[in-house]
Amino acid sequence: MKDFREMKRRGEKITALTAYDYPTARLLDESGIDVILVGDSLGMVVLGYPDTTQVTLAEILHHTRAVARGVKQATLVADLPIKTYDTPGQAVATSRELIAAGAVAVKLEGGASHARRIEAIVQAGIPVMAHIGMLPQSVREEGGYRLKGRSQSEVEQLINDAHAVEKAGAFAVVLEIVTADAARQITDSIGIPTIGIGSGGYCDGQIL
């Protein structure tokens, strides 16, 4: 995980893509992608759900095992599905299941509010990729996918979240649908890499 901090320090961009099956994972791994994510976006992309809120742990585990069979070099990260990390203890237990399925790190949604959960997972010896900005698992509460960082208060909250997840031990943080200027400010203010998705070109890496 220290390599990613070094990449940020050198200004070397980080490449990340999602994979949900063995052949895709093998192709991406052989192409030299840095990070392969088994995202809960598989709910829409593979399983036909309207959003990520119906994805189960069993489904994530199934796809993580398939992807892990095709990955030899990339850092394989798996998403913690909704309702599987409501407490620090549950977060650690779920993370251990994903590691047993072949992931080497996990990703969860939430900033300062989830710092204790991140800290618990890291203390259990499992690397964590954080995720702030637009949170797909909260899409129903928010009434849709909304751009974050349009007001100064939102920017300040995002920066606070980024600092909180870094302090908790996350090795990187995804910024989803954040204004480009907010993403730049966040990227410049923390020591861990930012991985953008729909957040402009100032991030330390991109995921699609």
C-alpha atoms as a PDB file:
ATOM      1  CA  MET A   1       0.000   0.000   0.000  1.00  0.00           C
ATOM      2  CA  LYS A   2       2.987   2.307   0.514  1.00  0.00           C
ATOM      3  CA  ASP A   3       3.600   2.163  -3.235  1.00  0.00           C
ATOM      4  CA  PHE A   4       0.469   4.223  -3.849  1.00  0.00           C
ATOM      5  CA  ARG A   5       1.701   7.050  -1.604  1.00  0.00           C
ATOM      6  CA  GLU A   6       4.991   6.944  -3.513  1.00  0.00           C
ATOM      7  CA  MET A   7       3.139   7.156  -6.833  1.00  0.00           C
ATOM      8  CA  LYS A   8       1.315  10.251  -5.580  1.00  0.00           C
ATOM      9  CA  ARG A   9       4.570  11.799  -4.392  1.00  0.00           C
ATOM     10  CA  ARG A  10       6.185  11.203  -7.794  1.00  0.00           C
ATOM     11  CA  GLY A  11       3.142  12.531  -9.656  1.00  0.00           C
ATOM     12  CA  GLU A  12       2.613   9.143 -11.284  1.00  0.00           C
ATOM     13  CA  LYS A  13      -1.036   8.562 -12.135  1.00  0.00           C
ATOM     14  CA  ILE A  14      -2.845   5.514 -10.736  1.00  0.00           C
ATOM     15  CA  THR A  15      -4.998   3.398 -13.044  1.00  0.00           C
ATOM     16  CA  ALA A  16      -8.038   1.518 -11.749  1.00  0.00           C
ATOM     17  CA  LEU A  17     -10.870  -0.378 -13.409  1.00  0.00           C
ATOM     18  CA  THR A  18     -13.714  -2.567 -12.228  1.00  0.00           C
ATOM     19  CA  ALA A  19     -13.996  -6.250 -13.059  1.00  0.00           C
ATOM     20  CA  TYR A  20     -16.714  -8.731 -12.182  1.00  0.00           C
ATOM     21  CA  ASP A  21     -15.506 -11.960 -13.803  1.00  0.00           C
ATOM     22  CA  TYR A  22     -12.400 -14.036 -14.504  1.00  0.00           C
ATOM     23  CA  PRO A  23     -11.766 -13.176 -18.190  1.00  0.00           C
ATOM     24  CA  THR A  24     -12.115  -9.416 -17.680  1.00  0.00           C
ATOM     25  CA  ALA A  25      -9.905  -9.546 -14.596  1.00  0.00           C
ATOM     26  CA  ARG A  26      -7.219 -11.496 -16.439  1.00  0.00           C
ATOM     27  CA  LEU A  27      -7.215  -9.056 -19.388  1.00  0.00           C
ATOM     28  CA  LEU A  28      -6.985  -6.033 -17.095  1.00  0.00           C
ATOM     29  CA  ASP A  29      -4.275  -7.602 -14.969  1.00  0.00           C
ATOM     30  CA  GLU A  30      -2.160  -8.515 -17.985  1.00  0.00           C
ATOM     31  CA  SER A  31      -2.522  -4.958 -19.324  1.00  0.00           C
ATOM     32  CA  GLY A  32      -0.803  -3.566 -16.226  1.00  0.00           C
ATOM     33  CA  ILE A  33      -3.724  -1.869 -14.442  1.00  0.00           C
ATOM     34  CA  ASP A  34      -2.699  -0.828 -10.903  1.00  0.00           C
ATOM     35  CA  VAL A  35      -6.005  -1.490  -9.124  1.00  0.00           C
ATOM     36  CA  ILE A  36      -8.843  -3.857  -9.996  1.00  0.00           C
ATOM     37  CA  LEU A  37     -12.063  -3.293  -8.068  1.00  0.00           C
ATOM     38  CA  VAL A  38     -14.878  -5.759  -7.589  1.00  0.00           C
ATOM     39  CA  GLY A  39     -17.413  -2.995  -7.163  1.00  0.00           C
ATOM     40  CA  ASP A  40     -20.962  -3.289  -5.951  1.00  0.00           C
ATOM     41  CA  SER A  41     -21.752  -1.588  -9.255  1.00  0.00           C
ATOM     42  CA  LEU A  42     -21.985  -5.212 -10.392  1.00  0.00           C
ATOM     43  CA  GLY A  43     -25.572  -4.891  -9.197  1.00  0.00           C
ATOM     44  CA  MET A  44     -26.435  -2.714 -12.196  1.00  0.00           C
ATOM     45  CA  VAL A  45     -23.749  -3.853 -14.660  1.00  0.00           C
ATOM     46  CA  VAL A  46     -24.130  -7.615 -14.242  1.00  0.00           C
ATOM     47  CA  LEU A  47     -27.195  -8.424 -12.140  1.00  0.00           C
ATOM     48  CA  GLY A  48     -29.744  -5.960 -13.513  1.00  0.00           C
ATOM     49  CA  TYR A  49     -30.572  -4.188 -10.246  1.00  0.00           C
ATOM     50  CA  PRO A  50     -31.644  -0.511 -10.385  1.00  0.00           C
ATOM     51  CA  ASP A  51     -28.830   0.535  -8.010  1.00  0.00           C
ATOM     52  CA  THR A  52     -26.263  -0.913  -5.587  1.00  0.00           C
ATOM     53  CA  THR A  53     -28.609  -1.161  -2.604  1.00  0.00           C
ATOM     54  CA  GLN A  54     -29.768  -4.699  -3.435  1.00  0.00           C
ATOM     55  CA  VAL A  55     -26.293  -6.228  -3.754  1.00  0.00           C
ATOM     56  CA  THR A  56     -25.618  -8.887  -1.135  1.00  0.00           C
ATOM     57  CA  LEU A  57     -22.399 -10.033   0.482  1.00  0.00           C
ATOM     58  CA  ALA A  58     -22.874 -13.476  -1.076  1.00  0.00           C
ATOM     59  CA  GLU A  59     -22.924 -11.882  -4.535  1.00  0.00           C
ATOM     60  CA  ILE A  60     -19.812  -9.795  -3.879  1.00  0.00           C
ATOM     61  CA  LEU A  61     -18.000 -12.857  -2.532  1.00  0.00           C
ATOM     62  CA  HIS A  62     -18.964 -14.904  -5.600  1.00  0.00           C
ATOM     63  CA  HIS A  63     -17.602 -12.294  -8.012  1.00  0.00           C
ATOM     64  CA  THR A  64     -14.509 -11.599  -5.902  1.00  0.00           C
ATOM     65  CA  ARG A  65     -13.544 -15.265  -6.078  1.00  0.00           C
ATOM     66  CA  ALA A  66     -13.944 -15.249  -9.858  1.00  0.00           C
ATOM     67  CA  VAL A  67     -11.901 -12.077 -10.292  1.00  0.00           C
ATOM     68  CA  ALA A  68      -9.194 -13.259  -7.904  1.00  0.00           C
ATOM     69  CA  ARG A  69      -8.568 -16.277 -10.136  1.00  0.00           C
ATOM     70  CA  GLY A  70      -7.506 -13.924 -12.918  1.00  0.00           C
ATOM     71  CA  VAL A  71      -5.405 -11.420 -10.962  1.00  0.00           C
ATOM     72  CA  LYS A  72      -1.691 -11.989 -10.430  1.00  0.00           C
ATOM     73  CA  GLN A  73      -0.207  -8.470 -10.187  1.00  0.00           C
ATOM     74  CA  ALA A  74      -2.823  -5.751  -9.620  1.00  0.00           C
ATOM     75  CA  THR A  75      -4.080  -4.716  -6.189  1.00  0.00           C
ATOM     76  CA  LEU A  76      -7.468  -6.414  -5.911  1.00  0.00           C
ATOM     77  CA  VAL A  77      -9.988  -4.381  -3.929  1.00  0.00           C
ATOM     78  CA  ALA A  78     -13.520  -5.545  -3.098  1.00  0.00           C
ATOM     79  CA  ASP A  79     -16.496  -3.414  -2.049  1.00  0.00           C
ATOM     80  CA  LEU A  80     -18.230  -3.852   1.275  1.00  0.00           C
ATOM     81  CA  PRO A  81     -21.924  -4.115   0.317  1.00  0.00           C
ATOM     82  CA  ILE A  82     -24.599  -2.027   2.001  1.00  0.00           C
ATOM     83  CA  LYS A  83     -25.580  -3.084   5.530  1.00  0.00           C
ATOM     84  CA  THR A  84     -22.449  -5.219   5.982  1.00  0.00           C
ATOM     85  CA  TYR A  85     -20.364  -2.628   7.888  1.00  0.00           C
ATOM     86  CA  ASP A  86     -22.862  -0.918  10.177  1.00  0.00           C
ATOM     87  CA  THR A  87     -20.523  -1.311  13.165  1.00  0.00           C
ATOM     88  CA  PRO A  88     -16.722  -1.599  13.468  1.00  0.00           C
ATOM     89  CA  GLY A  89     -17.064  -5.255  14.454  1.00  0.00           C
ATOM     90  CA  GLN A  90     -19.296  -6.091  11.519  1.00  0.00           C
ATOM     91  CA  ALA A  91     -16.991  -4.148   9.180  1.00  0.00           C
ATOM     92  CA  VAL A  92     -14.013  -6.247  10.283  1.00  0.00           C
ATOM     93  CA  ALA A  93     -15.931  -9.521   9.952  1.00  0.00           C
ATOM     94  CA  THR A  94     -17.144  -8.667   6.445  1.00  0.00           C
ATOM     95  CA  SER A  95     -13.679  -7.511   5.398  1.00  0.00           C
ATOM     96  CA  ARG A  96     -12.185 -10.805   6.535  1.00  0.00           C
ATOM     97  CA  GLU A  97     -14.656 -12.684   4.351  1.00  0.00           C
ATOM     98  CA  LEU A  98     -13.658 -10.609   1.323  1.00  0.00           C
ATOM     99  CA  ILE A  99      -9.962 -11.202   2.010  1.00  0.00           C
ATOM    100  CA  ALA A 100     -10.632 -14.938   2.320  1.00  0.00           C
ATOM    101  CA  ALA A 101     -12.323 -14.756  -1.101  1.00  0.00           C
ATOM    102  CA  GLY A 102      -9.133 -13.357  -2.650  1.00  0.00           C
ATOM    103  CA  ALA A 103      -9.194  -9.586  -2.216  1.00  0.00           C
ATOM    104  CA  VAL A 104      -6.112  -7.875  -0.783  1.00  0.00           C
ATOM    105  CA  ALA A 105      -7.981  -4.719   0.284  1.00  0.00           C
ATOM    106  CA  VAL A 106     -11.555  -3.526   0.798  1.00  0.00           C
ATOM    107  CA  LYS A 107     -13.478  -0.359   0.003  1.00  0.00           C
ATOM    108  CA  LEU A 108     -16.273   1.233   1.994  1.00  0.00           C
ATOM    109  CA  GLU A 109     -18.401   4.341   1.564  1.00  0.00           C
ATOM    110  CA  GLY A 110     -18.307   7.172   4.102  1.00  0.00           C
ATOM    111  CA  GLY A 111     -15.977   9.816   5.484  1.00  0.00           C
ATOM    112  CA  ALA A 112     -15.598  11.070   9.038  1.00  0.00           C
ATOM    113  CA  SER A 113     -18.745   9.200  10.095  1.00  0.00           C
ATOM    114  CA  HIS A 114     -17.031   5.917   9.176  1.00  0.00           C
ATOM    115  CA  ALA A 115     -13.549   6.633  10.507  1.00  0.00           C
ATOM    116  CA  ARG A 116     -13.872   4.215  13.427  1.00  0.00           C
ATOM    117  CA  ARG A 117     -14.874   1.433  11.055  1.00  0.00           C
ATOM    118  CA  ILE A 118     -11.906   2.151   8.774  1.00  0.00           C
ATOM    119  CA  GLU A 119      -9.596   2.235  11.772  1.00  0.00           C
ATOM    120  CA  ALA A 120     -10.905  -1.109  13.035  1.00  0.00           C
ATOM    121  CA  ILE A 121     -10.410  -2.801   9.669  1.00  0.00           C
ATOM    122  CA  VAL A 122      -6.872  -1.403   9.330  1.00  0.00           C
ATOM    123  CA  GLN A 123      -6.035  -2.510  12.869  1.00  0.00           C
ATOM    124  CA  ALA A 124      -7.157  -6.002  11.841  1.00  0.00           C
ATOM    125  CA  GLY A 125      -4.417  -5.928   9.200  1.00  0.00           C
ATOM    126  CA  ILE A 126      -6.638  -5.273   6.178  1.00  0.00           C
ATOM    127  CA  PRO A 127      -5.928  -2.312   3.843  1.00  0.00           C
ATOM    128  CA  VAL A 128      -8.856   0.034   3.233  1.00  0.00           C
ATOM    129  CA  MET A 129      -9.728   2.249   0.286  1.00  0.00           C
ATOM    130  CA  ALA A 130     -12.167   4.955   1.413  1.00  0.00           C
ATOM    131  CA  HIS A 131     -14.953   6.481  -0.713  1.00  0.00           C
ATOM    132  CA  ILE A 132     -16.381   9.999  -0.277  1.00  0.00           C
ATOM    133  CA  GLY A 133     -18.436  12.427  -2.321  1.00  0.00           C
ATOM    134  CA  MET A 134     -21.480  10.899  -3.954  1.00  0.00           C
ATOM    135  CA  LEU A 135     -22.191   7.607  -2.188  1.00  0.00           C
ATOM    136  CA  PRO A 136     -24.142   5.169  -4.401  1.00  0.00           C
ATOM    137  CA  GLN A 137     -25.380   3.156  -1.418  1.00  0.00           C
ATOM    138  CA  SER A 138     -27.139   6.327  -0.191  1.00  0.00           C
ATOM    139  CA  VAL A 139     -28.749   7.141  -3.533  1.00  0.00           C
ATOM    140  CA  ARG A 140     -32.289   6.397  -2.327  1.00  0.00           C
ATOM    141  CA  GLU A 141     -31.978   8.693   0.692  1.00  0.00           C
ATOM    142  CA  GLU A 142     -30.525  11.451  -1.483  1.00  0.00           C
ATOM    143  CA  GLY A 143     -33.093  11.052  -4.249  1.00  0.00           C
ATOM    144  CA  GLY A 144     -30.582  10.445  -7.032  1.00  0.00           C
ATOM    145  CA  TYR A 145     -26.977  10.960  -8.056  1.00  0.00           C
ATOM    146  CA  ARG A 146     -25.998  14.506  -7.108  1.00  0.00           C
ATOM    147  CA  LEU A 147     -22.798  16.431  -7.780  1.00  0.00           C
ATOM    148  CA  LYS A 148     -20.912  17.181  -4.544  1.00  0.00           C
ATOM    149  CA  GLY A 149     -18.748  20.186  -3.697  1.00  0.00           C
ATOM    150  CA  ARG A 150     -20.824  22.936  -5.251  1.00  0.00           C
ATOM    151  CA  SER A 151     -20.870  25.072  -2.104  1.00  0.00           C
ATOM    152  CA  GLN A 152     -18.040  26.110   0.183  1.00  0.00           C
ATOM    153  CA  SER A 153     -19.600  24.220   3.084  1.00  0.00           C
ATOM    154  CA  GLU A 154     -19.737  21.046   1.000  1.00  0.00           C
ATOM    155  CA  VAL A 155     -16.099  21.498  -0.020  1.00  0.00           C
ATOM    156  CA  GLU A 156     -15.073  21.945   3.610  1.00  0.00           C
ATOM    157  CA  GLN A 157     -17.007  18.824   4.613  1.00  0.00           C
ATOM    158  CA  LEU A 158     -15.344  16.808   1.845  1.00  0.00           C
ATOM    159  CA  ILE A 159     -11.894  18.001   2.937  1.00  0.00           C
ATOM    160  CA  ASN A 160     -12.745  17.070   6.535  1.00  0.00           C
ATOM    161  CA  ASP A 161     -13.881  13.636   5.363  1.00  0.00           C
ATOM    162  CA  ALA A 162     -10.666  13.144   3.386  1.00  0.00           C
ATOM    163  CA  HIS A 163      -8.508  14.038   6.374  1.00  0.00           C
ATOM    164  CA  ALA A 164     -10.585  11.754   8.611  1.00  0.00           C
ATOM    165  CA  VAL A 165     -10.193   8.692   6.387  1.00  0.00           C
ATOM    166  CA  GLU A 166      -6.470   9.373   5.959  1.00  0.00           C
ATOM    167  CA  LYS A 167      -6.023   9.639   9.734  1.00  0.00           C
ATOM    168  CA  ALA A 168      -8.024   6.419  10.185  1.00  0.00           C
ATOM    169  CA  GLY A 169      -5.499   4.602   7.996  1.00  0.00           C
ATOM    170  CA  ALA A 170      -7.023   4.411   4.507  1.00  0.00           C
ATOM    171  CA  PHE A 171      -4.359   3.990   1.799  1.00  0.00           C
ATOM    172  CA  ALA A 172      -6.403   5.847  -0.844  1.00  0.00           C
ATOM    173  CA  VAL A 173      -9.768   7.555  -1.242  1.00  0.00           C
ATOM    174  CA  VAL A 174     -12.256   7.490  -4.106  1.00  0.00           C
ATOM    175  CA  LEU A 175     -13.879  10.841  -4.962  1.00  0.00           C
ATOM    176  CA  GLU A 176     -17.144  10.211  -6.801  1.00  0.00           C
ATOM    177  CA  ILE A 177     -18.989  12.942  -8.711  1.00  0.00           C
ATOM    178  CA  VAL A 178     -17.167  15.783  -6.940  1.00  0.00           C
ATOM    179  CA  THR A 179     -16.553  19.142  -8.624  1.00  0.00           C
ATOM    180  CA  ALA A 180     -13.137  19.352 -10.238  1.00  0.00           C
ATOM    181  CA  ASP A 181     -12.107  22.277  -8.036  1.00  0.00           C
ATOM    182  CA  ALA A 182     -13.132  20.459  -4.848  1.00  0.00           C
ATOM    183  CA  ALA A 183     -11.256  17.362  -6.022  1.00  0.00           C
ATOM    184  CA  ARG A 184      -8.153  19.491  -6.603  1.00  0.00           C
ATOM    185  CA  GLN A 185      -8.357  20.978  -3.108  1.00  0.00           C
ATOM    186  CA  ILE A 186      -8.803  17.540  -1.537  1.00  0.00           C
ATOM    187  CA  THR A 187      -5.966  16.035  -3.567  1.00  0.00           C
ATOM    188  CA  ASP A 188      -3.603  18.838  -2.548  1.00  0.00           C
ATOM    189  CA  SER A 189      -4.508  18.619   1.143  1.00  0.00           C
ATOM    190  CA  ILE A 190      -3.890  14.928   1.907  1.00  0.00           C
ATOM    191  CA  GLY A 191      -0.963  12.544   1.654  1.00  0.00           C
ATOM    192  CA  ILE A 192      -2.885   9.534   0.309  1.00  0.00           C
ATOM    193  CA  PRO A 193      -3.913   9.279  -3.352  1.00  0.00           C
ATOM    194  CA  THR A 194      -7.311  10.395  -4.583  1.00  0.00           C
ATOM    195  CA  ILE A 195      -8.983   8.189  -7.182  1.00  0.00           C
ATOM    196  CA  GLY A 196     -11.561  10.098  -9.169  1.00  0.00           C
ATOM    197  CA  ILE A 197     -14.733   8.886 -10.805  1.00  0.00           C
ATOM    198  CA  GLY A 198     -16.478  11.729 -12.590  1.00  0.00           C
ATOM    199  CA  SER A 199     -14.474  14.234 -10.559  1.00  0.00           C
ATOM    200  CA  GLY A 200     -12.211  15.918 -13.094  1.00  0.00           C
ATOM    201  CA  GLY A 201      -8.560  15.559 -13.943  1.00  0.00           C
ATOM    202  CA  TYR A 202      -6.850  16.777 -10.766  1.00  0.00           C
ATOM    203  CA  CYS A 203      -7.072  13.463  -8.895  1.00  0.00           C
ATOM    204  CA  ASP A 204      -4.057  11.194  -8.444  1.00  0.00           C
ATOM    205  CA  GLY A 205      -5.791   8.441 -10.376  1.00  0.00           C
ATOM    206  CA  GLN A 206      -9.013   7.482 -12.106  1.00  0.00           C
ATOM    207  CA  ILE A 207     -11.413   4.550 -11.899  1.00  0.00           C
ATOM    208  CA  LEU A 208     -14.096   3.574 -14.350  1.00  0.00           C
END
